[in-house]
């Protein structure tokens, strides 16, 4: 499983590679750039479809990084889906989310995450 090595406004390093887009991190170690938004500024609205996709990965827990100045939000539909699906969801500012993600990996958990890297 990959861990987040560092995060700063507009960039994130995972597995030795620097990304300038929001990332989706999957329990199998897959790292994908999040769709939506433009250039480094991903969408500030996290949709139900994104949470559904993470739930299908077999993750025990899901971490959502809401940005360095936490402006991203889960849509009402995404929040309702997570509640109904009884997902263990951690919604935190991105700096805290990265720490939580890495900690859960250290505990041997199967973790998925979406990390918003800007505001």
PDB file of N, CA and C in Angstrom:
ATOM      1  N   UNK A   1       0.841  -1.189   0.000  1.00  0.00           N
ATOM      2  CA  UNK A   1       0.000   0.000   0.000  1.00  0.00           C
ATOM      3  C   UNK A   1       0.878   1.242   0.000  1.00  0.00           C
ATOM      4  N   UNK A   2       0.521   2.215  -0.812  1.00  0.00           N
ATOM      5  CA  UNK A   2       1.282   3.449  -0.866  1.00  0.00           C
ATOM      6  C   UNK A   2       0.861   4.382   0.264  1.00  0.00           C
ATOM      7  N   UNK A   3       1.799   5.204   0.674  1.00  0.00           N
ATOM      8  CA  UNK A   3       1.512   6.225   1.679  1.00  0.00           C
ATOM      9  C   UNK A   3       1.769   7.588   1.052  1.00  0.00           C
ATOM     10  N   UNK A   4       1.129   8.592   1.627  1.00  0.00           N
ATOM     11  CA  UNK A   4       1.349   9.961   1.179  1.00  0.00           C
ATOM     12  C   UNK A   4       2.627  10.452   1.854  1.00  0.00           C
ATOM     13  N   UNK A   5       3.574  10.889   1.030  1.00  0.00           N
ATOM     14  CA  UNK A   5       4.853  11.338   1.555  1.00  0.00           C
ATOM     15  C   UNK A   5       4.835  12.801   1.945  1.00  0.00           C
ATOM     16  N   UNK A   6       4.123  13.617   1.174  1.00  0.00           N
ATOM     17  CA  UNK A   6       3.990  15.026   1.545  1.00  0.00           C
ATOM     18  C   UNK A   6       2.827  15.661   0.799  1.00  0.00           C
ATOM     19  N   UNK A   7       2.363  16.751   1.362  1.00  0.00           N
ATOM     20  CA  UNK A   7       1.256  17.518   0.800  1.00  0.00           C
ATOM     21  C   UNK A   7       1.559  18.989   1.016  1.00  0.00           C
ATOM     22  N   UNK A   8       1.368  19.770  -0.021  1.00  0.00           N
ATOM     23  CA  UNK A   8       1.406  21.223   0.096  1.00  0.00           C
ATOM     24  C   UNK A   8       0.343  21.761  -0.858  1.00  0.00           C
ATOM     25  N   UNK A   9      -0.006  23.011  -0.712  1.00  0.00           N
ATOM     26  CA  UNK A   9      -1.039  23.578  -1.567  1.00  0.00           C
ATOM     27  C   UNK A   9      -0.667  23.345  -3.030  1.00  0.00           C
ATOM     28  N   UNK A  10      -1.512  22.613  -3.746  1.00  0.00           N
ATOM     29  CA  UNK A  10      -1.313  22.393  -5.174  1.00  0.00           C
ATOM     30  C   UNK A  10      -0.463  21.202  -5.557  1.00  0.00           C
ATOM     31  N   UNK A  11       0.070  20.467  -4.573  1.00  0.00           N
ATOM     32  CA  UNK A  11       0.834  19.277  -4.942  1.00  0.00           C
ATOM     33  C   UNK A  11       0.813  18.259  -3.807  1.00  0.00           C
ATOM     34  N   UNK A  12       0.984  17.010  -4.222  1.00  0.00           N
ATOM     35  CA  UNK A  12       1.005  15.891  -3.284  1.00  0.00           C
ATOM     36  C   UNK A  12       1.987  14.866  -3.835  1.00  0.00           C
ATOM     37  N   UNK A  13       2.761  14.263  -2.947  1.00  0.00           N
ATOM     38  CA  UNK A  13       3.719  13.236  -3.359  1.00  0.00           C
ATOM     39  C   UNK A  13       3.288  11.906  -2.762  1.00  0.00           C
ATOM     40  N   UNK A  14       3.105  10.929  -3.655  1.00  0.00           N
ATOM     41  CA  UNK A  14       2.705   9.576  -3.274  1.00  0.00           C
ATOM     42  C   UNK A  14       3.583   8.602  -4.053  1.00  0.00           C
ATOM     43  N   UNK A  15       4.186   7.671  -3.349  1.00  0.00           N
ATOM     44  CA  UNK A  15       5.026   6.675  -4.015  1.00  0.00           C
ATOM     45  C   UNK A  15       6.174   7.286  -4.795  1.00  0.00           C
ATOM     46  N   UNK A  16       6.702   8.398  -4.287  1.00  0.00           N
ATOM     47  CA  UNK A  16       7.821   9.063  -4.937  1.00  0.00           C
ATOM     48  C   UNK A  16       7.459   9.908  -6.142  1.00  0.00           C
ATOM     49  N   UNK A  17       6.197   9.977  -6.478  1.00  0.00           N
ATOM     50  CA  UNK A  17       5.760  10.748  -7.644  1.00  0.00           C
ATOM     51  C   UNK A  17       4.951  11.962  -7.195  1.00  0.00           C
ATOM     52  N   UNK A  18       5.247  13.096  -7.822  1.00  0.00           N
ATOM     53  CA  UNK A  18       4.549  14.337  -7.494  1.00  0.00           C
ATOM     54  C   UNK A  18       3.352  14.526  -8.417  1.00  0.00           C
ATOM     55  N   UNK A  19       2.213  14.824  -7.821  1.00  0.00           N
ATOM     56  CA  UNK A  19       0.971  15.066  -8.564  1.00  0.00           C
ATOM     57  C   UNK A  19       0.501  16.492  -8.305  1.00  0.00           C
ATOM     58  N   UNK A  20      -0.119  17.065  -9.321  1.00  0.00           N
ATOM     59  CA  UNK A  20      -0.669  18.409  -9.191  1.00  0.00           C
ATOM     60  C   UNK A  20      -2.174  18.418  -9.435  1.00  0.00           C
ATOM     61  N   UNK A  21      -2.792  17.300  -9.104  1.00  0.00           N
ATOM     62  CA  UNK A  21      -4.253  17.145  -9.185  1.00  0.00           C
ATOM     63  C   UNK A  21      -4.721  16.440  -7.927  1.00  0.00           C
ATOM     64  N   UNK A  22      -5.986  16.596  -7.607  1.00  0.00           N
ATOM     65  CA  UNK A  22      -6.575  15.813  -6.520  1.00  0.00           C
ATOM     66  C   UNK A  22      -6.361  14.331  -6.836  1.00  0.00           C
ATOM     67  N   UNK A  23      -6.175  13.544  -5.792  1.00  0.00           N
ATOM     68  CA  UNK A  23      -5.915  12.124  -5.994  1.00  0.00           C
ATOM     69  C   UNK A  23      -6.990  11.243  -5.374  1.00  0.00           C
ATOM     70  N   UNK A  24      -7.126  10.076  -5.980  1.00  0.00           N
ATOM     71  CA  UNK A  24      -7.930   8.987  -5.435  1.00  0.00           C
ATOM     72  C   UNK A  24      -6.939   7.868  -5.140  1.00  0.00           C
ATOM     73  N   UNK A  25      -6.916   7.426  -3.894  1.00  0.00           N
ATOM     74  CA  UNK A  25      -6.004   6.376  -3.455  1.00  0.00           C
ATOM     75  C   UNK A  25      -6.839   5.156  -3.093  1.00  0.00           C
ATOM     76  N   UNK A  26      -6.498   4.017  -3.668  1.00  0.00           N
ATOM     77  CA  UNK A  26      -7.289   2.802  -3.478  1.00  0.00           C
ATOM     78  C   UNK A  26      -6.555   1.788  -2.604  1.00  0.00           C
ATOM     79  N   UNK A  27      -7.297   0.898  -1.946  1.00  0.00           N
ATOM     80  CA  UNK A  27      -6.677  -0.071  -1.028  1.00  0.00           C
ATOM     81  C   UNK A  27      -5.645  -0.995  -1.671  1.00  0.00           C
ATOM     82  N   UNK A  28      -5.725  -1.197  -2.973  1.00  0.00           N
ATOM     83  CA  UNK A  28      -4.755  -2.071  -3.645  1.00  0.00           C
ATOM     84  C   UNK A  28      -3.471  -1.335  -4.026  1.00  0.00           C
ATOM     85  N   UNK A  29      -3.365  -0.062  -3.629  1.00  0.00           N
ATOM     86  CA  UNK A  29      -2.174   0.729  -3.927  1.00  0.00           C
ATOM     87  C   UNK A  29      -2.287   1.569  -5.185  1.00  0.00           C
ATOM     88  N   UNK A  30      -3.403   1.457  -5.897  1.00  0.00           N
ATOM     89  CA  UNK A  30      -3.607   2.257  -7.097  1.00  0.00           C
ATOM     90  C   UNK A  30      -3.750   3.732  -6.734  1.00  0.00           C
ATOM     91  N   UNK A  31      -3.086   4.579  -7.525  1.00  0.00           N
ATOM     92  CA  UNK A  31      -3.176   6.025  -7.365  1.00  0.00           C
ATOM     93  C   UNK A  31      -3.730   6.583  -8.664  1.00  0.00           C
ATOM     94  N   UNK A  32      -4.851   7.296  -8.568  1.00  0.00           N
ATOM     95  CA  UNK A  32      -5.473   7.877  -9.763  1.00  0.00           C
ATOM     96  C   UNK A  32      -5.710   9.359  -9.536  1.00  0.00           C
ATOM     97  N   UNK A  33      -5.602  10.109 -10.626  1.00  0.00           N
ATOM     98  CA  UNK A  33      -5.966  11.510 -10.530  1.00  0.00           C
ATOM     99  C   UNK A  33      -7.482  11.617 -10.535  1.00  0.00           C
ATOM    100  N   UNK A  34      -8.004  12.436  -9.635  1.00  0.00           N
ATOM    101  CA  UNK A  34      -9.448  12.618  -9.521  1.00  0.00           C
ATOM    102  C   UNK A  34      -9.968  13.381 -10.730  1.00  0.00           C
ATOM    103  N   UNK A  35     -11.094  12.938 -11.244  1.00  0.00           N
ATOM    104  CA  UNK A  35     -11.715  13.608 -12.377  1.00  0.00           C
ATOM    105  C   UNK A  35     -12.495  14.817 -11.882  1.00  0.00           C
ATOM    106  N   UNK A  36     -12.649  15.784 -12.762  1.00  0.00           N
ATOM    107  CA  UNK A  36     -13.440  16.963 -12.421  1.00  0.00           C
ATOM    108  C   UNK A  36     -12.564  18.162 -12.148  1.00  0.00           C
ATOM    109  N   UNK A  37     -13.179  19.315 -12.160  1.00  0.00           N
ATOM    110  CA  UNK A  37     -12.433  20.536 -11.936  1.00  0.00           C
ATOM    111  C   UNK A  37     -11.539  20.849 -13.119  1.00  0.00           C
ATOM    112  N   UNK A  38     -10.587  21.709 -12.910  1.00  0.00           N
ATOM    113  CA  UNK A  38      -9.657  22.061 -13.971  1.00  0.00           C
ATOM    114  C   UNK A  38      -8.254  22.183 -13.397  1.00  0.00           C
ATOM    115  N   UNK A  39      -7.294  21.802 -14.194  1.00  0.00           N
ATOM    116  CA  UNK A  39      -5.885  21.803 -13.851  1.00  0.00           C
ATOM    117  C   UNK A  39      -5.701  21.302 -12.434  1.00  0.00           C
ATOM    118  N   UNK A  40      -5.052  22.067 -11.529  1.00  0.00           N
ATOM    119  CA  UNK A  40      -4.828  21.567 -10.179  1.00  0.00           C
ATOM    120  C   UNK A  40      -6.050  21.736  -9.291  1.00  0.00           C
ATOM    121  N   UNK A  41      -7.019  22.531  -9.718  1.00  0.00           N
ATOM    122  CA  UNK A  41      -8.175  22.798  -8.874  1.00  0.00           C
ATOM    123  C   UNK A  41      -9.276  21.790  -9.164  1.00  0.00           C
ATOM    124  N   UNK A  42      -9.357  20.758  -8.354  1.00  0.00           N
ATOM    125  CA  UNK A  42     -10.429  19.779  -8.509  1.00  0.00           C
ATOM    126  C   UNK A  42     -11.736  20.373  -8.022  1.00  0.00           C
ATOM    127  N   UNK A  43     -12.795  19.685  -8.289  1.00  0.00           N
ATOM    128  CA  UNK A  43     -14.110  20.125  -7.866  1.00  0.00           C
ATOM    129  C   UNK A  43     -14.171  20.229  -6.345  1.00  0.00           C
ATOM    130  N   UNK A  44     -14.861  21.253  -5.863  1.00  0.00           N
ATOM    131  CA  UNK A  44     -15.068  21.415  -4.423  1.00  0.00           C
ATOM    132  C   UNK A  44     -16.292  20.650  -3.940  1.00  0.00           C
ATOM    133  N   UNK A  45     -16.946  19.948  -4.855  1.00  0.00           N
ATOM    134  CA  UNK A  45     -18.135  19.184  -4.512  1.00  0.00           C
ATOM    135  C   UNK A  45     -17.840  17.704  -4.725  1.00  0.00           C
ATOM    136  N   UNK A  46     -17.788  16.953  -3.629  1.00  0.00           N
ATOM    137  CA  UNK A  46     -17.534  15.519  -3.714  1.00  0.00           C
ATOM    138  C   UNK A  46     -18.871  14.819  -3.888  1.00  0.00           C
ATOM    139  N   UNK A  47     -18.999  14.119  -4.983  1.00  0.00           N
ATOM    140  CA  UNK A  47     -20.289  13.546  -5.384  1.00  0.00           C
ATOM    141  C   UNK A  47     -20.494  12.123  -4.876  1.00  0.00           C
ATOM    142  N   UNK A  48     -21.760  11.731  -4.852  1.00  0.00           N
ATOM    143  CA  UNK A  48     -22.128  10.392  -4.408  1.00  0.00           C
ATOM    144  C   UNK A  48     -21.415   9.327  -5.231  1.00  0.00           C
ATOM    145  N   UNK A  49     -21.307   9.536  -6.533  1.00  0.00           N
ATOM    146  CA  UNK A  49     -20.664   8.551  -7.405  1.00  0.00           C
ATOM    147  C   UNK A  49     -19.224   8.264  -6.950  1.00  0.00           C
ATOM    148  N   UNK A  50     -18.521   9.295  -6.499  1.00  0.00           N
ATOM    149  CA  UNK A  50     -17.145   9.107  -6.038  1.00  0.00           C
ATOM    150  C   UNK A  50     -17.096   8.236  -4.775  1.00  0.00           C
ATOM    151  N   UNK A  51     -18.025   8.465  -3.869  1.00  0.00           N
ATOM    152  CA  UNK A  51     -18.071   7.674  -2.640  1.00  0.00           C
ATOM    153  C   UNK A  51     -18.497   6.243  -2.955  1.00  0.00           C
ATOM    154  N   UNK A  52     -19.439   6.081  -3.872  1.00  0.00           N
ATOM    155  CA  UNK A  52     -19.860   4.732  -4.301  1.00  0.00           C
ATOM    156  C   UNK A  52     -18.681   3.952  -4.860  1.00  0.00           C
ATOM    157  N   UNK A  53     -17.887   4.615  -5.724  1.00  0.00           N
ATOM    158  CA  UNK A  53     -16.729   3.948  -6.324  1.00  0.00           C
ATOM    159  C   UNK A  53     -15.739   3.501  -5.259  1.00  0.00           C
ATOM    160  N   UNK A  54     -15.496   4.352  -4.269  1.00  0.00           N
ATOM    161  CA  UNK A  54     -14.570   3.983  -3.194  1.00  0.00           C
ATOM    162  C   UNK A  54     -15.119   2.821  -2.371  1.00  0.00           C
ATOM    163  N   UNK A  55     -16.414   2.812  -2.160  1.00  0.00           N
ATOM    164  CA  UNK A  55     -17.006   1.743  -1.345  1.00  0.00           C
ATOM    165  C   UNK A  55     -16.899   0.390  -2.039  1.00  0.00           C
ATOM    166  N   UNK A  56     -16.850   0.381  -3.345  1.00  0.00           N
ATOM    167  CA  UNK A  56     -16.753  -0.884  -4.099  1.00  0.00           C
ATOM    168  C   UNK A  56     -15.331  -1.447  -4.135  1.00  0.00           C
ATOM    169  N   UNK A  57     -14.364  -0.732  -3.600  1.00  0.00           N
ATOM    170  CA  UNK A  57     -12.974  -1.195  -3.635  1.00  0.00           C
ATOM    171  C   UNK A  57     -12.635  -2.154  -2.501  1.00  0.00           C
ATOM    172  N   UNK A  58     -13.587  -2.375  -1.604  1.00  0.00           N
ATOM    173  CA  UNK A  58     -13.321  -3.235  -0.461  1.00  0.00           C
ATOM    174  C   UNK A  58     -12.629  -2.521   0.683  1.00  0.00           C
ATOM    175  N   UNK A  59     -12.671  -1.194   0.656  1.00  0.00           N
ATOM    176  CA  UNK A  59     -12.054  -0.416   1.724  1.00  0.00           C
ATOM    177  C   UNK A  59     -12.813  -0.603   3.029  1.00  0.00           C
ATOM    178  N   UNK A  60     -12.067  -0.757   4.110  1.00  0.00           N
ATOM    179  CA  UNK A  60     -12.671  -0.811   5.440  1.00  0.00           C
ATOM    180  C   UNK A  60     -13.020   0.603   5.908  1.00  0.00           C
ATOM    181  N   UNK A  61     -12.197   1.558   5.492  1.00  0.00           N
ATOM    182  CA  UNK A  61     -12.400   2.944   5.893  1.00  0.00           C
ATOM    183  C   UNK A  61     -12.089   3.846   4.699  1.00  0.00           C
ATOM    184  N   UNK A  62     -12.761   4.987   4.677  1.00  0.00           N
ATOM    185  CA  UNK A  62     -12.587   5.958   3.596  1.00  0.00           C
ATOM    186  C   UNK A  62     -12.218   7.301   4.208  1.00  0.00           C
ATOM    187  N   UNK A  63     -11.156   7.896   3.670  1.00  0.00           N
ATOM    188  CA  UNK A  63     -10.692   9.194   4.138  1.00  0.00           C
ATOM    189  C   UNK A  63     -10.937  10.213   3.039  1.00  0.00           C
ATOM    190  N   UNK A  64     -11.544  11.333   3.415  1.00  0.00           N
ATOM    191  CA  UNK A  64     -11.798  12.428   2.483  1.00  0.00           C
ATOM    192  C   UNK A  64     -11.029  13.645   2.963  1.00  0.00           C
ATOM    193  N   UNK A  65     -10.102  14.123   2.128  1.00  0.00           N
ATOM    194  CA  UNK A  65      -9.370  15.356   2.415  1.00  0.00           C
ATOM    195  C   UNK A  65     -10.087  16.520   1.760  1.00  0.00           C
ATOM    196  N   UNK A  66     -10.548  17.464   2.562  1.00  0.00           N
ATOM    197  CA  UNK A  66     -11.395  18.550   2.063  1.00  0.00           C
ATOM    198  C   UNK A  66     -10.628  19.791   1.629  1.00  0.00           C
ATOM    199  N   UNK A  67      -9.317  19.704   1.562  1.00  0.00           N
ATOM    200  CA  UNK A  67      -8.506  20.812   1.071  1.00  0.00           C
ATOM    201  C   UNK A  67      -7.589  21.379   2.138  1.00  0.00           C
ATOM    202  N   UNK A  68      -6.612  22.157   1.701  1.00  0.00           N
ATOM    203  CA  UNK A  68      -5.660  22.750   2.628  1.00  0.00           C
ATOM    204  C   UNK A  68      -6.310  23.861   3.452  1.00  0.00           C
ATOM    205  N   UNK A  69      -7.320  24.495   2.901  1.00  0.00           N
ATOM    206  CA  UNK A  69      -8.168  25.454   3.617  1.00  0.00           C
ATOM    207  C   UNK A  69      -9.588  24.931   3.476  1.00  0.00           C
ATOM    208  N   UNK A  70      -9.920  23.887   4.170  1.00  0.00           N
ATOM    209  CA  UNK A  70     -11.022  22.964   3.881  1.00  0.00           C
ATOM    210  C   UNK A  70     -12.290  23.577   3.280  1.00  0.00           C
ATOM    211  N   UNK A  71     -12.298  23.662   1.957  1.00  0.00           N
ATOM    212  CA  UNK A  71     -13.451  24.225   1.253  1.00  0.00           C
ATOM    213  C   UNK A  71     -14.278  23.179   0.516  1.00  0.00           C
ATOM    214  N   UNK A  72     -13.689  22.027   0.242  1.00  0.00           N
ATOM    215  CA  UNK A  72     -14.437  20.973  -0.460  1.00  0.00           C
ATOM    216  C   UNK A  72     -15.449  20.361   0.513  1.00  0.00           C
ATOM    217  N   UNK A  73     -16.563  19.945  -0.031  1.00  0.00           N
ATOM    218  CA  UNK A  73     -17.634  19.388   0.793  1.00  0.00           C
ATOM    219  C   UNK A  73     -18.229  18.154   0.133  1.00  0.00           C
ATOM    220  N   UNK A  74     -18.695  17.250   0.970  1.00  0.00           N
ATOM    221  CA  UNK A  74     -19.466  16.125   0.463  1.00  0.00           C
ATOM    222  C   UNK A  74     -20.849  16.637   0.103  1.00  0.00           C
ATOM    223  N   UNK A  75     -21.342  16.230  -1.044  1.00  0.00           N
ATOM    224  CA  UNK A  75     -22.713  16.597  -1.406  1.00  0.00           C
ATOM    225  C   UNK A  75     -23.660  15.909  -0.412  1.00  0.00           C
ATOM    226  N   UNK A  76     -24.866  16.420  -0.305  1.00  0.00           N
ATOM    227  CA  UNK A  76     -25.857  15.799   0.576  1.00  0.00           C
ATOM    228  C   UNK A  76     -26.102  14.353   0.181  1.00  0.00           C
ATOM    229  N   UNK A  77     -26.121  14.090  -1.144  1.00  0.00           N
ATOM    230  CA  UNK A  77     -26.333  12.726  -1.629  1.00  0.00           C
ATOM    231  C   UNK A  77     -25.185  11.811  -1.222  1.00  0.00           C
ATOM    232  N   UNK A  78     -23.957  12.325  -1.295  1.00  0.00           N
ATOM    233  CA  UNK A  78     -22.790  11.522  -0.911  1.00  0.00           C
ATOM    234  C   UNK A  78     -22.823  11.211   0.578  1.00  0.00           C
ATOM    235  N   UNK A  79     -23.162  12.195   1.384  1.00  0.00           N
ATOM    236  CA  UNK A  79     -23.238  11.995   2.833  1.00  0.00           C
ATOM    237  C   UNK A  79     -24.336  10.980   3.176  1.00  0.00           C
ATOM    238  N   UNK A  80     -25.488  11.105   2.524  1.00  0.00           N
ATOM    239  CA  UNK A  80     -26.597  10.160   2.755  1.00  0.00           C
ATOM    240  C   UNK A  80     -26.202   8.745   2.358  1.00  0.00           C
ATOM    241  N   UNK A  81     -25.530   8.620   1.200  1.00  0.00           N
ATOM    242  CA  UNK A  81     -25.085   7.303   0.742  1.00  0.00           C
ATOM    243  C   UNK A  81     -24.143   6.674   1.759  1.00  0.00           C
ATOM    244  N   UNK A  82     -23.169   7.448   2.238  1.00  0.00           N
ATOM    245  CA  UNK A  82     -22.198   6.929   3.207  1.00  0.00           C
ATOM    246  C   UNK A  82     -22.894   6.461   4.480  1.00  0.00           C
ATOM    247  N   UNK A  83     -23.873   7.225   4.935  1.00  0.00           N
ATOM    248  CA  UNK A  83     -24.617   6.854   6.136  1.00  0.00           C
ATOM    249  C   UNK A  83     -25.407   5.570   5.905  1.00  0.00           C
ATOM    250  N   UNK A  84     -26.144   5.502   4.797  1.00  0.00           N
ATOM    251  CA  UNK A  84     -26.956   4.321   4.497  1.00  0.00           C
ATOM    252  C   UNK A  84     -26.100   3.073   4.289  1.00  0.00           C
ATOM    253  N   UNK A  85     -24.928   3.251   3.674  1.00  0.00           N
ATOM    254  CA  UNK A  85     -24.032   2.122   3.410  1.00  0.00           C
ATOM    255  C   UNK A  85     -23.185   1.762   4.641  1.00  0.00           C
ATOM    256  N   UNK A  86     -23.357   2.526   5.713  1.00  0.00           N
ATOM    257  CA  UNK A  86     -22.624   2.316   6.958  1.00  0.00           C
ATOM    258  C   UNK A  86     -21.116   2.311   6.727  1.00  0.00           C
ATOM    259  N   UNK A  87     -20.664   3.266   5.929  1.00  0.00           N
ATOM    260  CA  UNK A  87     -19.237   3.390   5.644  1.00  0.00           C
ATOM    261  C   UNK A  87     -18.535   4.100   6.795  1.00  0.00           C
ATOM    262  N   UNK A  88     -17.346   3.638   7.121  1.00  0.00           N
ATOM    263  CA  UNK A  88     -16.513   4.316   8.105  1.00  0.00           C
ATOM    264  C   UNK A  88     -15.815   5.448   7.354  1.00  0.00           C
ATOM    265  N   UNK A  89     -16.331   6.654   7.495  1.00  0.00           N
ATOM    266  CA  UNK A  89     -15.909   7.800   6.700  1.00  0.00           C
ATOM    267  C   UNK A  89     -15.240   8.837   7.595  1.00  0.00           C
ATOM    268  N   UNK A  90     -14.049   9.291   7.181  1.00  0.00           N
ATOM    269  CA  UNK A  90     -13.312  10.327   7.902  1.00  0.00           C
ATOM    270  C   UNK A  90     -13.210  11.527   6.966  1.00  0.00           C
ATOM    271  N   UNK A  91     -13.889  12.603   7.279  1.00  0.00           N
ATOM    272  CA  UNK A  91     -13.860  13.813   6.466  1.00  0.00           C
ATOM    273  C   UNK A  91     -13.083  14.867   7.243  1.00  0.00           C
ATOM    274  N   UNK A  92     -11.894  15.206   6.726  1.00  0.00           N
ATOM    275  CA  UNK A  92     -10.962  16.074   7.448  1.00  0.00           C
ATOM    276  C   UNK A  92     -10.282  17.048   6.491  1.00  0.00           C
ATOM    277  N   UNK A  93      -9.768  18.170   7.018  1.00  0.00           N
ATOM    278  CA  UNK A  93      -8.891  19.003   6.179  1.00  0.00           C
ATOM    279  C   UNK A  93      -7.756  18.123   5.649  1.00  0.00           C
ATOM    280  N   UNK A  94      -7.297  18.422   4.450  1.00  0.00           N
ATOM    281  CA  UNK A  94      -6.362  17.511   3.764  1.00  0.00           C
ATOM    282  C   UNK A  94      -5.090  17.186   4.534  1.00  0.00           C
ATOM    283  N   UNK A  95      -4.514  18.157   5.253  1.00  0.00           N
ATOM    284  CA  UNK A  95      -3.300  17.844   6.018  1.00  0.00           C
ATOM    285  C   UNK A  95      -3.596  16.784   7.072  1.00  0.00           C
ATOM    286  N   UNK A  96      -4.727  16.902   7.749  1.00  0.00           N
ATOM    287  CA  UNK A  96      -5.119  15.908   8.751  1.00  0.00           C
ATOM    288  C   UNK A  96      -5.538  14.598   8.092  1.00  0.00           C
ATOM    289  N   UNK A  97      -6.174  14.696   6.930  1.00  0.00           N
ATOM    290  CA  UNK A  97      -6.615  13.500   6.205  1.00  0.00           C
ATOM    291  C   UNK A  97      -5.428  12.642   5.788  1.00  0.00           C
ATOM    292  N   UNK A  98      -4.371  13.270   5.337  1.00  0.00           N
ATOM    293  CA  UNK A  98      -3.163  12.540   4.935  1.00  0.00           C
ATOM    294  C   UNK A  98      -2.573  11.809   6.135  1.00  0.00           C
ATOM    295  N   UNK A  99      -2.515  12.485   7.273  1.00  0.00           N
ATOM    296  CA  UNK A  99      -2.011  11.854   8.498  1.00  0.00           C
ATOM    297  C   UNK A  99      -2.890  10.674   8.884  1.00  0.00           C
ATOM    298  N   UNK A 100      -4.199  10.848   8.824  1.00  0.00           N
ATOM    299  CA  UNK A 100      -5.148   9.768   9.155  1.00  0.00           C
ATOM    300  C   UNK A 100      -4.990   8.598   8.194  1.00  0.00           C
ATOM    301  N   UNK A 101      -4.894   8.888   6.895  1.00  0.00           N
ATOM    302  CA  UNK A 101      -4.716   7.857   5.879  1.00  0.00           C
ATOM    303  C   UNK A 101      -3.471   7.020   6.172  1.00  0.00           C
ATOM    304  N   UNK A 102      -2.347   7.689   6.378  1.00  0.00           N
ATOM    305  CA  UNK A 102      -1.090   6.979   6.651  1.00  0.00           C
ATOM    306  C   UNK A 102      -1.186   6.168   7.943  1.00  0.00           C
ATOM    307  N   UNK A 103      -1.831   6.718   8.967  1.00  0.00           N
ATOM    308  CA  UNK A 103      -1.988   6.014  10.241  1.00  0.00           C
ATOM    309  C   UNK A 103      -2.821   4.738  10.060  1.00  0.00           C
ATOM    310  N   UNK A 104      -3.913   4.839   9.321  1.00  0.00           N
ATOM    311  CA  UNK A 104      -4.757   3.667   9.092  1.00  0.00           C
ATOM    312  C   UNK A 104      -3.998   2.578   8.320  1.00  0.00           C
ATOM    313  N   UNK A 105      -3.158   2.988   7.379  1.00  0.00           N
ATOM    314  CA  UNK A 105      -2.319   2.017   6.663  1.00  0.00           C
ATOM    315  C   UNK A 105      -1.364   1.338   7.643  1.00  0.00           C
ATOM    316  N   UNK A 106      -0.760   2.135   8.526  1.00  0.00           N
ATOM    317  CA  UNK A 106       0.155   1.568   9.529  1.00  0.00           C
ATOM    318  C   UNK A 106      -0.553   0.549  10.415  1.00  0.00           C
ATOM    319  N   UNK A 107      -1.856   0.734  10.625  1.00  0.00           N
ATOM    320  CA  UNK A 107      -2.643  -0.196  11.437  1.00  0.00           C
ATOM    321  C   UNK A 107      -3.069  -1.440  10.650  1.00  0.00           C
ATOM    322  N   UNK A 108      -2.722  -1.474   9.353  1.00  0.00           N
ATOM    323  CA  UNK A 108      -3.061  -2.618   8.517  1.00  0.00           C
ATOM    324  C   UNK A 108      -4.466  -2.573   7.936  1.00  0.00           C
ATOM    325  N   UNK A 109      -5.099  -1.418   7.952  1.00  0.00           N
ATOM    326  CA  UNK A 109      -6.455  -1.270   7.412  1.00  0.00           C
ATOM    327  C   UNK A 109      -6.416  -1.167   5.893  1.00  0.00           C
ATOM    328  N   UNK A 110      -7.509  -1.597   5.259  1.00  0.00           N
ATOM    329  CA  UNK A 110      -7.702  -1.382   3.820  1.00  0.00           C
ATOM    330  C   UNK A 110      -8.396  -0.033   3.684  1.00  0.00           C
ATOM    331  N   UNK A 111      -7.657   0.949   3.192  1.00  0.00           N
ATOM    332  CA  UNK A 111      -8.123   2.329   3.185  1.00  0.00           C
ATOM    333  C   UNK A 111      -8.185   2.860   1.761  1.00  0.00           C
ATOM    334  N   UNK A 112      -9.230   3.642   1.493  1.00  0.00           N
ATOM    335  CA  UNK A 112      -9.339   4.391   0.238  1.00  0.00           C
ATOM    336  C   UNK A 112      -9.455   5.869   0.620  1.00  0.00           C
ATOM    337  N   UNK A 113      -9.058   6.742  -0.296  1.00  0.00           N
ATOM    338  CA  UNK A 113      -9.108   8.171   0.012  1.00  0.00           C
ATOM    339  C   UNK A 113      -9.294   9.006  -1.247  1.00  0.00           C
ATOM    340  N   UNK A 114      -9.869  10.177  -1.027  1.00  0.00           N
ATOM    341  CA  UNK A 114      -9.856  11.255  -2.009  1.00  0.00           C
ATOM    342  C   UNK A 114      -9.207  12.418  -1.288  1.00  0.00           C
ATOM    343  N   UNK A 115      -8.143  12.952  -1.873  1.00  0.00           N
ATOM    344  CA  UNK A 115      -7.425  14.065  -1.246  1.00  0.00           C
ATOM    345  C   UNK A 115      -7.502  15.278  -2.174  1.00  0.00           C
ATOM    346  N   UNK A 116      -8.174  16.321  -1.701  1.00  0.00           N
ATOM    347  CA  UNK A 116      -8.251  17.597  -2.424  1.00  0.00           C
ATOM    348  C   UNK A 116      -7.011  18.397  -2.060  1.00  0.00           C
ATOM    349  N   UNK A 117      -6.222  18.837  -3.058  1.00  0.00           N
ATOM    350  CA  UNK A 117      -4.906  19.410  -2.774  1.00  0.00           C
ATOM    351  C   UNK A 117      -4.861  20.935  -2.795  1.00  0.00           C
ATOM    352  N   UNK A 118      -5.975  21.577  -3.089  1.00  0.00           N
ATOM    353  CA  UNK A 118      -5.973  23.030  -3.040  1.00  0.00           C
ATOM    354  C   UNK A 118      -6.938  23.477  -1.946  1.00  0.00           C
ATOM    355  N   UNK A 119      -7.478  24.647  -2.099  1.00  0.00           N
ATOM    356  CA  UNK A 119      -8.321  25.237  -1.055  1.00  0.00           C
ATOM    357  C   UNK A 119      -9.432  24.328  -0.636  1.00  0.00           C
TER     358      UNK A 119
END
